Amino acid sequence: MKFESIRTNSWVLTELKKPLKNYILKIPILKKSQFLVKIIYSGFCASQFGEIIGIKGQDKYLPHCLGHEAIGKVVKKNSNKKIFPGEYVVLHWMKSSGNDSEKIFYRTDKNKIINSGMITTFSDYVVVSENRLTKIRAKKEDLVNLPPMGCSLSVGISTIEKIVKPKKNEKILIIGSGAIGLPIIHYCKIKNIKIDVIEKKNKSAKLSKLFGSNQTFKDIRNKRLIANLKNSEYDHVVDTSGNSDLINFILKIIKPKVKICLIGVSKKGKKIKFDPIKINYGISIVGSYGGNFNPDKDLIKYFNLLKKTNFNFSLYIDKVYKIQKINELIFDYKNKKICSKAVMSI
């Protein structure tokens, strides 16, 4: 097998619930519909933490690379897509124009295969399928803010815009004011949509208020919150937490004609339970798979909207870690020291 002249310094998941291991990997020659990208900053997402701890159960692809949101620069391509070496690209897990490439994987010096998806980002150089990147003209000072446009920022906004579709002066209850909840709060505020939030973490609760929530409830059993639910104060409930116990509690109380949108992913085996007659009476439950985010049409539009409306990126990005400190980042995330978004410099 032939390899590219560049090798990649990568942090790899080899066992569930264990620290990532660092490997220097050989990059196979690019196949059709593939790009080689130098990563500048990568985001860290709840999805990656879920992979590391095995939230969905057994992982049949171990060992494998991680990451699905980043900003980088094209080094080389084997693709007809009109993106060229030297141009900035945002990497994203939702598909853009182009094809899925052939299977992507790397090899160690001992020829052991390290699996990859169509996109990974926890490496200094990555091979990416042509439909997982979008060109962007970026200023140097914007680079650190761009990785979340590949996932949390865009997914949050797109979910509200395309799935929830609230009307002006309607009221939304948002569960969780983290990486996806905060851009939802900001978007609703600028669209004159009223927002209440359930968030028990002190720092996250404060952030929800700074980003524009009307009320933030730290306790699900708050008497005012329960009264609001019983009195049909909310037109929509949007869950970003994946906390099925909390969702079940709300489903017991909430009155008909409320639209519930689930973004967060629950742990394997956790169930949502409700009386089906509530569906007959008008409660609707929908899921969000990436918010129907279309990178070709939405990514730059959403980024420009956030900049124009003074989205507070400096508060949104909790901390920038060096990639060499990734296991420290994971430890901090596990111990709830990261309240919104962590970014890694590569």
C-alpha atoms as a PDB file:
ATOM      1  CA  MET A   1       0.000   0.000   0.000  1.00  0.00           C
ATOM      2  CA  LYS A   2       1.219   3.502  -0.850  1.00  0.00           C
ATOM      3  CA  PHE A   3       1.057   6.379   1.612  1.00  0.00           C
ATOM      4  CA  GLU A   4       1.128  10.168   1.588  1.00  0.00           C
ATOM      5  CA  SER A   5       4.452  11.761   2.521  1.00  0.00           C
ATOM      6  CA  ILE A   6       2.784  13.503   5.493  1.00  0.00           C
ATOM      7  CA  ARG A   7       2.024  11.559   8.663  1.00  0.00           C
ATOM      8  CA  THR A   8      -0.641  12.522  11.152  1.00  0.00           C
ATOM      9  CA  ASN A   9      -0.327  12.952  14.900  1.00  0.00           C
ATOM     10  CA  SER A  10      -3.635  11.563  16.160  1.00  0.00           C
ATOM     11  CA  TRP A  11      -5.445  10.892  19.442  1.00  0.00           C
ATOM     12  CA  VAL A  12      -7.271   7.579  19.184  1.00  0.00           C
ATOM     13  CA  LEU A  13      -9.992   5.779  21.142  1.00  0.00           C
ATOM     14  CA  THR A  14      -8.695   2.244  21.767  1.00  0.00           C
ATOM     15  CA  GLU A  15     -10.894   1.190  24.719  1.00  0.00           C
ATOM     16  CA  LEU A  16     -14.169   2.532  26.056  1.00  0.00           C
ATOM     17  CA  LYS A  17     -13.899   4.595  29.249  1.00  0.00           C
ATOM     18  CA  LYS A  18     -10.105   4.832  28.867  1.00  0.00           C
ATOM     19  CA  PRO A  19      -7.862   7.818  28.008  1.00  0.00           C
ATOM     20  CA  LEU A  20      -7.207   8.428  24.333  1.00  0.00           C
ATOM     21  CA  LYS A  21      -3.843   7.206  23.035  1.00  0.00           C
ATOM     22  CA  ASN A  22      -1.497   9.196  20.848  1.00  0.00           C
ATOM     23  CA  TYR A  23      -0.303   7.626  17.575  1.00  0.00           C
ATOM     24  CA  ILE A  24       1.751   8.818  14.634  1.00  0.00           C
ATOM     25  CA  LEU A  25      -0.176   7.366  11.708  1.00  0.00           C
ATOM     26  CA  LYS A  26       0.503   6.749   8.051  1.00  0.00           C
ATOM     27  CA  ILE A  27      -2.002   8.351   5.670  1.00  0.00           C
ATOM     28  CA  PRO A  28      -2.975   6.244   2.639  1.00  0.00           C
ATOM     29  CA  ILE A  29      -2.845   7.939  -0.774  1.00  0.00           C
ATOM     30  CA  LEU A  30      -6.050   9.904  -1.268  1.00  0.00           C
ATOM     31  CA  LYS A  31      -8.852   8.052  -2.977  1.00  0.00           C
ATOM     32  CA  LYS A  32     -11.575   9.621  -5.111  1.00  0.00           C
ATOM     33  CA  SER A  33     -13.725  12.218  -3.297  1.00  0.00           C
ATOM     34  CA  GLN A  34     -11.186  12.720  -0.504  1.00  0.00           C
ATOM     35  CA  PHE A  35      -9.387  15.798   0.851  1.00  0.00           C
ATOM     36  CA  LEU A  36      -6.305  16.039   3.036  1.00  0.00           C
ATOM     37  CA  VAL A  37      -6.812  18.859   5.548  1.00  0.00           C
ATOM     38  CA  LYS A  38      -4.491  20.466   8.111  1.00  0.00           C
ATOM     39  CA  ILE A  39      -6.603  20.996  11.230  1.00  0.00           C
ATOM     40  CA  ILE A  40      -6.186  24.359  12.981  1.00  0.00           C
ATOM     41  CA  TYR A  41      -8.854  24.104  15.703  1.00  0.00           C
ATOM     42  CA  SER A  42     -11.155  21.214  16.557  1.00  0.00           C
ATOM     43  CA  GLY A  43     -14.278  21.337  18.658  1.00  0.00           C
ATOM     44  CA  PHE A  44     -15.105  18.788  21.354  1.00  0.00           C
ATOM     45  CA  CYS A  45     -18.725  17.681  21.378  1.00  0.00           C
ATOM     46  CA  ALA A  46     -20.999  15.740  23.730  1.00  0.00           C
ATOM     47  CA  SER A  47     -21.162  13.127  20.975  1.00  0.00           C
ATOM     48  CA  GLN A  48     -17.443  12.409  21.327  1.00  0.00           C
ATOM     49  CA  PHE A  49     -17.766  12.111  25.087  1.00  0.00           C
ATOM     50  CA  GLY A  50     -20.637   9.700  24.486  1.00  0.00           C
ATOM     51  CA  GLU A  51     -18.424   7.626  22.186  1.00  0.00           C
ATOM     52  CA  ILE A  52     -15.619   7.557  24.757  1.00  0.00           C
ATOM     53  CA  ILE A  53     -17.858   6.345  27.595  1.00  0.00           C
ATOM     54  CA  GLY A  54     -19.892   4.013  25.361  1.00  0.00           C
ATOM     55  CA  ILE A  55     -23.269   5.727  25.748  1.00  0.00           C
ATOM     56  CA  LYS A  56     -24.686   3.698  22.838  1.00  0.00           C
ATOM     57  CA  GLY A  57     -23.194   0.412  23.990  1.00  0.00           C
ATOM     58  CA  GLN A  58     -20.550  -1.732  22.300  1.00  0.00           C
ATOM     59  CA  ASP A  59     -18.238  -0.008  19.804  1.00  0.00           C
ATOM     60  CA  LYS A  60     -17.403  -2.411  16.983  1.00  0.00           C
ATOM     61  CA  TYR A  61     -15.015  -0.001  15.226  1.00  0.00           C
ATOM     62  CA  LEU A  62     -12.304   0.220  17.892  1.00  0.00           C
ATOM     63  CA  PRO A  63      -9.628   1.452  17.591  1.00  0.00           C
ATOM     64  CA  HIS A  64     -10.768   4.597  15.811  1.00  0.00           C
ATOM     65  CA  CYS A  65     -10.185   8.318  15.460  1.00  0.00           C
ATOM     66  CA  LEU A  66     -12.623  10.903  16.819  1.00  0.00           C
ATOM     67  CA  GLY A  67     -14.053  14.356  16.167  1.00  0.00           C
ATOM     68  CA  HIS A  68     -16.618  15.848  13.806  1.00  0.00           C
ATOM     69  CA  GLU A  69     -16.266  19.652  13.853  1.00  0.00           C
ATOM     70  CA  ALA A  70     -13.213  21.740  13.002  1.00  0.00           C
ATOM     71  CA  ILE A  71     -11.641  24.542  10.994  1.00  0.00           C
ATOM     72  CA  GLY A  72      -8.696  23.672   8.782  1.00  0.00           C
ATOM     73  CA  LYS A  73      -6.843  24.371   5.575  1.00  0.00           C
ATOM     74  CA  VAL A  74      -6.823  22.152   2.500  1.00  0.00           C
ATOM     75  CA  VAL A  75      -3.428  20.560   1.755  1.00  0.00           C
ATOM     76  CA  LYS A  76      -4.316  18.245  -1.118  1.00  0.00           C
ATOM     77  CA  LYS A  77      -7.377  16.808  -2.823  1.00  0.00           C
ATOM     78  CA  ASN A  78      -8.611  14.019  -5.082  1.00  0.00           C
ATOM     79  CA  SER A  79     -11.980  15.553  -5.858  1.00  0.00           C
ATOM     80  CA  ASN A  80     -13.811  17.682  -8.419  1.00  0.00           C
ATOM     81  CA  LYS A  81     -15.367  19.783  -5.657  1.00  0.00           C
ATOM     82  CA  LYS A  82     -14.394  23.432  -6.136  1.00  0.00           C
ATOM     83  CA  ILE A  83     -12.266  23.780  -3.026  1.00  0.00           C
ATOM     84  CA  PHE A  84      -8.521  24.076  -3.488  1.00  0.00           C
ATOM     85  CA  PRO A  85      -5.257  23.724  -1.534  1.00  0.00           C
ATOM     86  CA  GLY A  86      -4.661  26.708   0.728  1.00  0.00           C
ATOM     87  CA  GLU A  87      -8.355  27.470   1.279  1.00  0.00           C
ATOM     88  CA  TYR A  88     -10.035  27.362   4.683  1.00  0.00           C
ATOM     89  CA  VAL A  89     -12.747  24.766   5.270  1.00  0.00           C
ATOM     90  CA  VAL A  90     -15.166  24.050   8.101  1.00  0.00           C
ATOM     91  CA  LEU A  91     -15.492  20.316   8.766  1.00  0.00           C
ATOM     92  CA  HIS A  92     -18.966  19.051   9.715  1.00  0.00           C
ATOM     93  CA  TRP A  93     -20.739  15.727  10.249  1.00  0.00           C
ATOM     94  CA  MET A  94     -23.911  16.641   8.377  1.00  0.00           C
ATOM     95  CA  LYS A  95     -23.534  16.083   4.639  1.00  0.00           C
ATOM     96  CA  SER A  96     -22.898  18.871   2.155  1.00  0.00           C
ATOM     97  CA  SER A  97     -22.696  18.568  -1.631  1.00  0.00           C
ATOM     98  CA  GLY A  98     -20.574  15.768  -3.040  1.00  0.00           C
ATOM     99  CA  ASN A  99     -20.201  12.053  -2.450  1.00  0.00           C
ATOM    100  CA  ASP A 100     -19.309   9.817   0.433  1.00  0.00           C
ATOM    101  CA  SER A 101     -15.766   8.719  -0.249  1.00  0.00           C
ATOM    102  CA  GLU A 102     -14.508   5.177   0.112  1.00  0.00           C
ATOM    103  CA  LYS A 103     -13.803   3.972   3.611  1.00  0.00           C
ATOM    104  CA  ILE A 104     -11.156   6.075   5.387  1.00  0.00           C
ATOM    105  CA  PHE A 105      -8.564   4.506   7.670  1.00  0.00           C
ATOM    106  CA  TYR A 106      -4.952   4.999   8.750  1.00  0.00           C
ATOM    107  CA  ARG A 107      -2.147   2.615   9.679  1.00  0.00           C
ATOM    108  CA  THR A 108       0.422   2.517  12.455  1.00  0.00           C
ATOM    109  CA  ASP A 109       4.093   1.803  11.742  1.00  0.00           C
ATOM    110  CA  LYS A 110       3.305  -1.820  12.636  1.00  0.00           C
ATOM    111  CA  ASN A 111       0.569  -1.805   9.966  1.00  0.00           C
ATOM    112  CA  LYS A 112      -2.293  -1.919  12.453  1.00  0.00           C
ATOM    113  CA  ILE A 113      -5.477  -0.386  11.038  1.00  0.00           C
ATOM    114  CA  ILE A 114      -6.951   2.646  12.823  1.00  0.00           C
ATOM    115  CA  ASN A 115     -10.504   3.226  11.642  1.00  0.00           C
ATOM    116  CA  SER A 116     -12.042   6.561  10.755  1.00  0.00           C
ATOM    117  CA  GLY A 117     -15.416   7.796   9.595  1.00  0.00           C
ATOM    118  CA  MET A 118     -16.015  10.158   6.704  1.00  0.00           C
ATOM    119  CA  ILE A 119     -14.680  12.866   9.021  1.00  0.00           C
ATOM    120  CA  THR A 120     -12.464  12.956  12.110  1.00  0.00           C
ATOM    121  CA  THR A 121     -10.709  15.954  13.658  1.00  0.00           C
ATOM    122  CA  PHE A 122      -8.589  14.947  16.681  1.00  0.00           C
ATOM    123  CA  SER A 123      -5.419  14.929  14.556  1.00  0.00           C
ATOM    124  CA  ASP A 124      -3.137  17.496  12.964  1.00  0.00           C
ATOM    125  CA  TYR A 125      -3.819  16.118   9.446  1.00  0.00           C
ATOM    126  CA  VAL A 126      -7.005  14.304   8.463  1.00  0.00           C
ATOM    127  CA  VAL A 127      -8.492  12.681   5.390  1.00  0.00           C
ATOM    128  CA  VAL A 128     -12.055  13.903   4.909  1.00  0.00           C
ATOM    129  CA  SER A 129     -14.821  12.916   2.519  1.00  0.00           C
ATOM    130  CA  GLU A 130     -15.663  15.730   0.092  1.00  0.00           C
ATOM    131  CA  ASN A 131     -19.204  16.023   1.462  1.00  0.00           C
ATOM    132  CA  ARG A 132     -18.036  16.761   5.016  1.00  0.00           C
ATOM    133  CA  LEU A 133     -16.376  20.118   4.404  1.00  0.00           C
ATOM    134  CA  THR A 134     -17.444  23.597   3.309  1.00  0.00           C
ATOM    135  CA  LYS A 135     -15.217  26.416   2.110  1.00  0.00           C
ATOM    136  CA  ILE A 136     -15.212  29.626   4.114  1.00  0.00           C
ATOM    137  CA  ARG A 137     -13.366  32.919   3.834  1.00  0.00           C
ATOM    138  CA  ALA A 138     -12.207  33.443   7.367  1.00  0.00           C
ATOM    139  CA  LYS A 139     -10.311  36.140   9.213  1.00  0.00           C
ATOM    140  CA  LYS A 140      -7.564  34.930  11.505  1.00  0.00           C
ATOM    141  CA  GLU A 141      -9.414  36.156  14.605  1.00  0.00           C
ATOM    142  CA  ASP A 142     -12.493  34.128  13.588  1.00  0.00           C
ATOM    143  CA  LEU A 143     -10.729  30.774  13.305  1.00  0.00           C
ATOM    144  CA  VAL A 144     -11.120  29.750  16.957  1.00  0.00           C
ATOM    145  CA  ASN A 145     -14.871  30.452  16.754  1.00  0.00           C
ATOM    146  CA  LEU A 146     -15.521  28.381  13.638  1.00  0.00           C
ATOM    147  CA  PRO A 147     -15.315  24.705  14.779  1.00  0.00           C
ATOM    148  CA  PRO A 148     -18.748  24.787  16.490  1.00  0.00           C
ATOM    149  CA  MET A 149     -20.261  25.880  13.173  1.00  0.00           C
ATOM    150  CA  GLY A 150     -19.678  22.278  12.119  1.00  0.00           C
ATOM    151  CA  CYS A 151     -22.039  20.988  14.794  1.00  0.00           C
ATOM    152  CA  SER A 152     -23.469  22.637  17.909  1.00  0.00           C
ATOM    153  CA  LEU A 153     -24.015  26.224  16.752  1.00  0.00           C
ATOM    154  CA  SER A 154     -25.497  25.264  13.390  1.00  0.00           C
ATOM    155  CA  VAL A 155     -27.517  22.318  14.723  1.00  0.00           C
ATOM    156  CA  GLY A 156     -29.065  24.483  17.459  1.00  0.00           C
ATOM    157  CA  ILE A 157     -30.107  27.285  15.125  1.00  0.00           C
ATOM    158  CA  SER A 158     -31.265  24.954  12.350  1.00  0.00           C
ATOM    159  CA  THR A 159     -33.414  22.922  14.757  1.00  0.00           C
ATOM    160  CA  ILE A 160     -35.337  26.027  15.786  1.00  0.00           C
ATOM    161  CA  GLU A 161     -35.535  27.464  12.284  1.00  0.00           C
ATOM    162  CA  LYS A 162     -36.543  24.293  10.428  1.00  0.00           C
ATOM    163  CA  ILE A 163     -38.128  21.879  12.913  1.00  0.00           C
ATOM    164  CA  VAL A 164     -39.577  23.827  15.844  1.00  0.00           C
ATOM    165  CA  LYS A 165     -40.533  26.872  13.726  1.00  0.00           C
ATOM    166  CA  PRO A 166     -41.827  29.050  16.580  1.00  0.00           C
ATOM    167  CA  LYS A 167     -43.829  32.161  15.804  1.00  0.00           C
ATOM    168  CA  LYS A 168     -43.075  35.623  17.117  1.00  0.00           C
ATOM    169  CA  ASN A 169     -44.118  36.032  20.768  1.00  0.00           C
ATOM    170  CA  GLU A 170     -44.532  32.277  21.291  1.00  0.00           C
ATOM    171  CA  LYS A 171     -42.794  30.841  24.337  1.00  0.00           C
ATOM    172  CA  ILE A 172     -40.241  28.023  24.466  1.00  0.00           C
ATOM    173  CA  LEU A 173     -38.970  25.973  27.389  1.00  0.00           C
ATOM    174  CA  ILE A 174     -35.419  24.804  26.740  1.00  0.00           C
ATOM    175  CA  ILE A 175     -33.931  21.928  28.726  1.00  0.00           C
ATOM    176  CA  GLY A 176     -30.193  22.530  29.062  1.00  0.00           C
ATOM    177  CA  SER A 177     -28.176  25.662  28.311  1.00  0.00           C
ATOM    178  CA  GLY A 178     -24.968  24.090  27.082  1.00  0.00           C
ATOM    179  CA  ALA A 179     -23.315  23.952  23.672  1.00  0.00           C
ATOM    180  CA  ILE A 180     -26.615  23.626  21.776  1.00  0.00           C
ATOM    181  CA  GLY A 181     -28.905  25.394  24.245  1.00  0.00           C
ATOM    182  CA  LEU A 182     -27.005  28.715  24.240  1.00  0.00           C
ATOM    183  CA  PRO A 183     -27.215  29.364  20.476  1.00  0.00           C
ATOM    184  CA  ILE A 184     -30.912  28.447  20.649  1.00  0.00           C
ATOM    185  CA  ILE A 185     -31.419  31.016  23.413  1.00  0.00           C
ATOM    186  CA  HIS A 186     -29.545  33.657  21.415  1.00  0.00           C
ATOM    187  CA  TYR A 187     -31.483  32.913  18.218  1.00  0.00           C
ATOM    188  CA  CYS A 188     -34.836  33.044  19.996  1.00  0.00           C
ATOM    189  CA  LYS A 189     -33.952  36.330  21.671  1.00  0.00           C
ATOM    190  CA  ILE A 190     -33.112  38.076  18.396  1.00  0.00           C
ATOM    191  CA  LYS A 191     -36.348  36.704  16.872  1.00  0.00           C
ATOM    192  CA  ASN A 192     -38.467  38.011  19.794  1.00  0.00           C
ATOM    193  CA  ILE A 193     -39.374  34.514  20.962  1.00  0.00           C
ATOM    194  CA  LYS A 194     -39.663  34.174  24.738  1.00  0.00           C
ATOM    195  CA  ILE A 195     -37.428  31.591  26.382  1.00  0.00           C
ATOM    196  CA  ASP A 196     -37.369  29.877  29.771  1.00  0.00           C
ATOM    197  CA  VAL A 197     -34.641  27.384  30.625  1.00  0.00           C
ATOM    198  CA  ILE A 198     -34.159  24.412  32.915  1.00  0.00           C
ATOM    199  CA  GLU A 199     -30.495  24.232  33.940  1.00  0.00           C
ATOM    200  CA  LYS A 200     -29.176  23.010  37.292  1.00  0.00           C
ATOM    201  CA  LYS A 201     -25.476  23.894  36.881  1.00  0.00           C
ATOM    202  CA  ASN A 202     -24.719  27.313  38.390  1.00  0.00           C
ATOM    203  CA  LYS A 203     -22.423  28.587  35.660  1.00  0.00           C
ATOM    204  CA  SER A 204     -24.646  27.326  32.855  1.00  0.00           C
ATOM    205  CA  ALA A 205     -27.697  28.880  34.513  1.00  0.00           C
ATOM    206  CA  LYS A 206     -25.902  32.237  34.640  1.00  0.00           C
ATOM    207  CA  LEU A 207     -24.891  31.887  30.997  1.00  0.00           C
ATOM    208  CA  SER A 208     -28.487  31.217  29.972  1.00  0.00           C
ATOM    209  CA  LYS A 209     -29.500  34.561  31.490  1.00  0.00           C
ATOM    210  CA  LEU A 210     -26.594  36.380  29.863  1.00  0.00           C
ATOM    211  CA  PHE A 211     -27.566  34.921  26.480  1.00  0.00           C
ATOM    212  CA  GLY A 212     -31.184  36.030  26.822  1.00  0.00           C
ATOM    213  CA  SER A 213     -33.436  33.673  28.797  1.00  0.00           C
ATOM    214  CA  ASN A 214     -36.396  35.185  30.649  1.00  0.00           C
ATOM    215  CA  GLN A 215     -36.321  32.739  33.534  1.00  0.00           C
ATOM    216  CA  THR A 216     -33.903  29.955  34.391  1.00  0.00           C
ATOM    217  CA  PHE A 217     -35.098  27.191  36.691  1.00  0.00           C
ATOM    218  CA  LYS A 218     -32.438  25.163  38.484  1.00  0.00           C
ATOM    219  CA  ASP A 219     -34.915  22.689  39.982  1.00  0.00           C
ATOM    220  CA  ILE A 220     -37.459  20.776  37.877  1.00  0.00           C
ATOM    221  CA  ARG A 221     -39.803  20.822  40.884  1.00  0.00           C
ATOM    222  CA  ASN A 222     -39.844  24.610  41.064  1.00  0.00           C
ATOM    223  CA  LYS A 223     -43.449  25.597  41.839  1.00  0.00           C
ATOM    224  CA  ARG A 224     -43.531  28.351  39.246  1.00  0.00           C
ATOM    225  CA  LEU A 225     -42.186  26.029  36.531  1.00  0.00           C
ATOM    226  CA  ILE A 226     -44.764  23.371  37.374  1.00  0.00           C
ATOM    227  CA  ALA A 227     -47.517  25.999  37.283  1.00  0.00           C
ATOM    228  CA  ASN A 228     -46.281  27.170  33.878  1.00  0.00           C
ATOM    229  CA  LEU A 229     -46.380  23.610  32.556  1.00  0.00           C
ATOM    230  CA  LYS A 230     -49.845  22.942  33.954  1.00  0.00           C
ATOM    231  CA  ASN A 231     -51.197  26.264  32.680  1.00  0.00           C
ATOM    232  CA  SER A 232     -49.943  25.760  29.110  1.00  0.00           C
ATOM    233  CA  GLU A 233     -47.490  28.667  29.290  1.00  0.00           C
ATOM    234  CA  TYR A 234     -45.203  27.034  26.715  1.00  0.00           C
ATOM    235  CA  ASP A 235     -45.883  26.485  23.043  1.00  0.00           C
ATOM    236  CA  HIS A 236     -42.731  24.392  22.592  1.00  0.00           C
ATOM    237  CA  VAL A 237     -40.353  22.337  24.722  1.00  0.00           C
ATOM    238  CA  VAL A 238     -36.867  21.742  23.306  1.00  0.00           C
ATOM    239  CA  ASP A 239     -34.623  19.189  25.007  1.00  0.00           C
ATOM    240  CA  THR A 240     -30.858  19.426  24.485  1.00  0.00           C
ATOM    241  CA  SER A 241     -29.903  17.246  27.468  1.00  0.00           C
ATOM    242  CA  GLY A 242     -30.993  13.712  26.572  1.00  0.00           C
ATOM    243  CA  ASN A 243     -32.158  13.371  30.193  1.00  0.00           C
ATOM    244  CA  SER A 244     -35.062  10.944  29.795  1.00  0.00           C
ATOM    245  CA  ASP A 245     -36.063  11.179  33.483  1.00  0.00           C
ATOM    246  CA  LEU A 246     -36.495  14.914  33.152  1.00  0.00           C
ATOM    247  CA  ILE A 247     -38.444  14.555  29.905  1.00  0.00           C
ATOM    248  CA  ASN A 248     -40.718  11.955  31.540  1.00  0.00           C
ATOM    249  CA  PHE A 249     -41.390  14.326  34.433  1.00  0.00           C
ATOM    250  CA  ILE A 250     -42.426  17.075  32.034  1.00  0.00           C
ATOM    251  CA  LEU A 251     -44.600  14.713  29.964  1.00  0.00           C
ATOM    252  CA  LYS A 252     -46.615  13.835  33.072  1.00  0.00           C
ATOM    253  CA  ILE A 253     -47.414  17.481  33.766  1.00  0.00           C
ATOM    254  CA  ILE A 254     -47.601  19.247  30.429  1.00  0.00           C
ATOM    255  CA  LYS A 255     -50.934  20.019  28.810  1.00  0.00           C
ATOM    256  CA  PRO A 256     -51.960  19.243  25.216  1.00  0.00           C
ATOM    257  CA  LYS A 257     -51.100  21.289  22.118  1.00  0.00           C
ATOM    258  CA  VAL A 258     -47.415  21.564  22.951  1.00  0.00           C
ATOM    259  CA  LYS A 259     -44.700  20.633  20.453  1.00  0.00           C
ATOM    260  CA  ILE A 260     -41.767  18.756  22.017  1.00  0.00           C
ATOM    261  CA  CYS A 261     -38.489  18.544  20.106  1.00  0.00           C
ATOM    262  CA  LEU A 262     -35.755  16.131  21.206  1.00  0.00           C
ATOM    263  CA  ILE A 263     -32.175  17.006  20.269  1.00  0.00           C
ATOM    264  CA  GLY A 264     -30.235  15.355  23.099  1.00  0.00           C
ATOM    265  CA  VAL A 265     -29.355  11.651  22.953  1.00  0.00           C
ATOM    266  CA  SER A 266     -30.394   9.509  25.925  1.00  0.00           C
ATOM    267  CA  LYS A 267     -28.236   6.749  27.350  1.00  0.00           C
ATOM    268  CA  LYS A 268     -28.745   3.288  25.923  1.00  0.00           C
ATOM    269  CA  GLY A 269     -31.646   1.560  27.647  1.00  0.00           C
ATOM    270  CA  LYS A 270     -33.296   4.751  28.893  1.00  0.00           C
ATOM    271  CA  LYS A 271     -36.925   5.143  27.822  1.00  0.00           C
ATOM    272  CA  ILE A 272     -39.388   7.974  27.433  1.00  0.00           C
ATOM    273  CA  LYS A 273     -42.833   7.064  28.765  1.00  0.00           C
ATOM    274  CA  PHE A 274     -46.103   8.931  28.338  1.00  0.00           C
ATOM    275  CA  ASP A 275     -49.830   8.429  28.171  1.00  0.00           C
ATOM    276  CA  PRO A 276     -50.633   8.080  24.440  1.00  0.00           C
ATOM    277  CA  ILE A 277     -53.940   9.913  24.911  1.00  0.00           C
ATOM    278  CA  LYS A 278     -51.870  13.086  25.165  1.00  0.00           C
ATOM    279  CA  ILE A 279     -50.936  12.581  21.519  1.00  0.00           C
ATOM    280  CA  ASN A 280     -54.648  12.336  20.696  1.00  0.00           C
ATOM    281  CA  TYR A 281     -55.215  15.586  22.557  1.00  0.00           C
ATOM    282  CA  GLY A 282     -52.540  17.456  20.630  1.00  0.00           C
ATOM    283  CA  ILE A 283     -49.076  16.970  22.102  1.00  0.00           C
ATOM    284  CA  SER A 284     -46.548  16.257  19.356  1.00  0.00           C
ATOM    285  CA  ILE A 285     -43.065  14.809  19.798  1.00  0.00           C
ATOM    286  CA  VAL A 286     -40.451  15.204  17.078  1.00  0.00           C
ATOM    287  CA  GLY A 287     -36.761  14.407  16.894  1.00  0.00           C
ATOM    288  CA  SER A 288     -33.943  16.499  15.509  1.00  0.00           C
ATOM    289  CA  TYR A 289     -31.237  14.792  13.466  1.00  0.00           C
ATOM    290  CA  GLY A 290     -28.754  17.602  13.081  1.00  0.00           C
ATOM    291  CA  GLY A 291     -31.636  20.055  12.834  1.00  0.00           C
ATOM    292  CA  ASN A 292     -31.812  19.360   9.085  1.00  0.00           C
ATOM    293  CA  PHE A 293     -28.714  21.561   8.870  1.00  0.00           C
ATOM    294  CA  ASN A 294     -27.610  22.031   5.241  1.00  0.00           C
ATOM    295  CA  PRO A 295     -23.944  23.129   5.316  1.00  0.00           C
ATOM    296  CA  ASP A 296     -23.951  24.436   1.729  1.00  0.00           C
ATOM    297  CA  LYS A 297     -26.851  26.809   2.391  1.00  0.00           C
ATOM    298  CA  ASP A 298     -26.721  27.402   6.130  1.00  0.00           C
ATOM    299  CA  LEU A 299     -23.179  27.397   7.501  1.00  0.00           C
ATOM    300  CA  ILE A 300     -21.963  30.781   6.298  1.00  0.00           C
ATOM    301  CA  LYS A 301     -25.439  32.303   6.675  1.00  0.00           C
ATOM    302  CA  TYR A 302     -25.619  31.263  10.332  1.00  0.00           C
ATOM    303  CA  PHE A 303     -22.066  32.401  11.094  1.00  0.00           C
ATOM    304  CA  ASN A 304     -22.752  35.827   9.594  1.00  0.00           C
ATOM    305  CA  LEU A 305     -26.004  36.049  11.574  1.00  0.00           C
ATOM    306  CA  LEU A 306     -24.205  35.254  14.831  1.00  0.00           C
ATOM    307  CA  LYS A 307     -21.539  37.887  14.153  1.00  0.00           C
ATOM    308  CA  LYS A 308     -24.086  40.512  13.078  1.00  0.00           C
ATOM    309  CA  THR A 309     -26.178  39.979  16.221  1.00  0.00           C
ATOM    310  CA  ASN A 310     -23.147  40.060  18.552  1.00  0.00           C
ATOM    311  CA  PHE A 311     -23.215  36.439  19.672  1.00  0.00           C
ATOM    312  CA  ASN A 312     -20.804  36.220  22.604  1.00  0.00           C
ATOM    313  CA  PHE A 313     -18.241  33.705  21.322  1.00  0.00           C
ATOM    314  CA  SER A 314     -15.839  34.528  24.163  1.00  0.00           C
ATOM    315  CA  LEU A 315     -18.402  33.351  26.733  1.00  0.00           C
ATOM    316  CA  TYR A 316     -19.625  30.481  24.585  1.00  0.00           C
ATOM    317  CA  ILE A 317     -16.180  28.916  24.230  1.00  0.00           C
ATOM    318  CA  ASP A 318     -15.316  27.914  27.780  1.00  0.00           C
ATOM    319  CA  LYS A 319     -11.670  27.113  27.197  1.00  0.00           C
ATOM    320  CA  VAL A 320      -9.140  26.444  24.455  1.00  0.00           C
ATOM    321  CA  TYR A 321      -6.966  23.405  25.177  1.00  0.00           C
ATOM    322  CA  LYS A 322      -3.887  22.263  23.316  1.00  0.00           C
ATOM    323  CA  ILE A 323      -4.576  18.940  21.618  1.00  0.00           C
ATOM    324  CA  GLN A 324      -1.829  17.372  23.757  1.00  0.00           C
ATOM    325  CA  LYS A 325      -4.105  18.063  26.767  1.00  0.00           C
ATOM    326  CA  ILE A 326      -7.089  16.238  25.296  1.00  0.00           C
ATOM    327  CA  ASN A 327      -7.374  13.742  28.141  1.00  0.00           C
ATOM    328  CA  GLU A 328      -7.404  16.648  30.586  1.00  0.00           C
ATOM    329  CA  LEU A 329     -10.246  18.140  28.523  1.00  0.00           C
ATOM    330  CA  ILE A 330     -12.161  14.855  28.712  1.00  0.00           C
ATOM    331  CA  PHE A 331     -11.638  14.728  32.484  1.00  0.00           C
ATOM    332  CA  ASP A 332     -12.922  18.310  32.818  1.00  0.00           C
ATOM    333  CA  TYR A 333     -15.939  17.516  30.656  1.00  0.00           C
ATOM    334  CA  LYS A 334     -16.754  14.427  32.705  1.00  0.00           C
ATOM    335  CA  ASN A 335     -16.562  16.471  35.894  1.00  0.00           C
ATOM    336  CA  LYS A 336     -18.823  19.211  34.457  1.00  0.00           C
ATOM    337  CA  LYS A 337     -16.097  21.856  34.419  1.00  0.00           C
ATOM    338  CA  ILE A 338     -16.996  22.687  30.815  1.00  0.00           C
ATOM    339  CA  CYS A 339     -20.394  24.356  30.667  1.00  0.00           C
ATOM    340  CA  SER A 340     -20.666  25.296  27.007  1.00  0.00           C
ATOM    341  CA  LYS A 341     -17.981  24.541  24.420  1.00  0.00           C
ATOM    342  CA  ALA A 342     -14.364  23.401  24.506  1.00  0.00           C
ATOM    343  CA  VAL A 343     -12.048  23.913  21.547  1.00  0.00           C
ATOM    344  CA  MET A 344      -8.609  22.432  20.909  1.00  0.00           C
ATOM    345  CA  SER A 345      -5.741  24.105  19.102  1.00  0.00           C
ATOM    346  CA  ILE A 346      -3.828  21.653  16.927  1.00  0.00           C
END
